[in-house]
Amino acid sequence: MTLETIRQYKKIHMIGIGGVSMSGLAEHLTHFGFTITGSDTHESDNTKHLQNLGIEVFIGHNTSAIDNADLIVYTAAIPENDEELVYAKNHNKTCMERSVFLGKITKCYKECICISGTHGKTTTTSMISLCFLEANLDPTIEVGAYLKPIKGNNKTGNSEYFILEACEYVDSFLQFSPHVEIILNIDNDHLNYFKNIDNIKQSFLKFTERLTEDGIIIANKDDDNTMEVIKQNKHPFLTYGMENKNANYYATNIQRNEYGYPTFDCQKNGDYFDTFTLNVHGRHNILNALATIATCDYYGIKKEKIKKGLQSFTGANRRFEKIGEYQGIPVIDDYAHHPTEIQSTKACAQEIPHQENWVVFEPHTYTRTEEHFDEFAEVLSQFDHIILADIYAAREENIHDISSKDLEKRILQKNANCLYLDSYQKIIKYLKENVKKGDLIITIGAGTVNQIGYQLIKEETN
């Protein structure tokens, strides 16, 4: 498979072009000389950016763009009754779901590196990308968030390397053809699709079967589900960890500076490898760094380049990101939308000196809220103050008859400092009236809850 075999589709229309993965794919295709058009239900920074690149983007449906297209690419979130998709099929247009088309592109690269796992994909993809850039390997990059050093969520390189964030949702990553697979962890998520953890593990096992014949897996030895999966696969693997000293790459002598950022020694097969310093918080990020070190060492990248690449990473967009201050109070935003991720957010918060923390949580989708209801209540109750926003519906309707008010009742059984408020403005007002100097504000969720933090900061500067 080469780009030339894909070039039969000269004009490509993308439904849902404003999404993180779709917008990045649109940029890559434009770079390679394809004519791209797209549509999305609403305007966003991504759609504006694509328009600035000269891509014609329609807000709302536009079936006329379908008439001129050779191929229609759509995201998994697009329903089957979408007006444009129905029109395309009725007019015998070739249609491909995004992951299927992206899978064809992965075959064009000799060294496709896929970063998978329930948690940490974006951060680890970013870390690996920066190390490869530091080593002047000029990779093509596809990451699930804005990454400051590449000024976007993607970069088109001119080498054999393609570094790609590989999501398990609806088995998307089973379309890819990687040479290296990183499996960070396997946890209960997307249960509306997978139903149970056994199905999730089966999906990851099928993912290992997508490796090229000479491919290799890099896996988290501290994660039991991951180890159960890779021991069933036929490919060689390298491991990393913080709890298992017999992992190929193991972190020891972990120390933190005055800002809470860690420095650690990395052991390789029992021998000292080197000392690394990170500019991000959290134990989970040490694990992400170990996955990065193992990957880069496999490719022969020099230690100094790995160290510089890791140090240059100050966090991906919305991953425990300090977005500013309100009256001297740090405002942190985090994309966490699963209980395990929120636990990591809490661990990061503990590494920042502060008096009391004020967490604004916006649950993401009705399905996930119902599936992890008790887990959300347990982890959120561990914060000092919890403010709940309405559930961010995303692609769903509330067929579960569940609300943030229900979550408030459950958390109040564990922590009296929990309050549900039904608008961002009420939340902002409440924070302004209650937070004190020395406190910490954290917005948590995969929806638009970060607007609360930005509004607080904006009012501070006006």
Foldseek 3Di string as FASTA:
>chain_A
DAVVVVCVFQEEEEEQCQAQQNLQVVVQVVVVRGQYEYEYQDDDPSVVVVVVVVHHYYHADDLVSLVPGQEYEYEPLDDCVPPNNVSNVVVVHHYDYPLLVVQVVLVNAPAEEEEEEPDDLQVLLQLLVLLCVLLVQFEWEAHRFQAVVVRGRTDHGDHRYYRYYAYCAVLSLLSHQHQEYEYEEQDDDPCVRQVDSVSSLVSVLSNLVSYDPQHEYEYEPVYPSGVVSVVPDDYHYAYEYAPDPQGQWYWDDWDADPQQWIKTWIAGRNHTDGIATAQAHFPSVVSSLSSSVVVCVVVVRDPVSSRVSRHVGNDGPQCQDFPDDFVQATETGHADQALVSLLRVVRRVVSGFFDFEEEEEAHEALVRCVVCVLSCLVSQLPGQAYEYEWHHHVSHDPPVPDIVVVSQVSNCVRHVRYYYDYDLVVVLVVCVVDDDPRYHYYYYHNDVSCVSVVVSRVVRVD
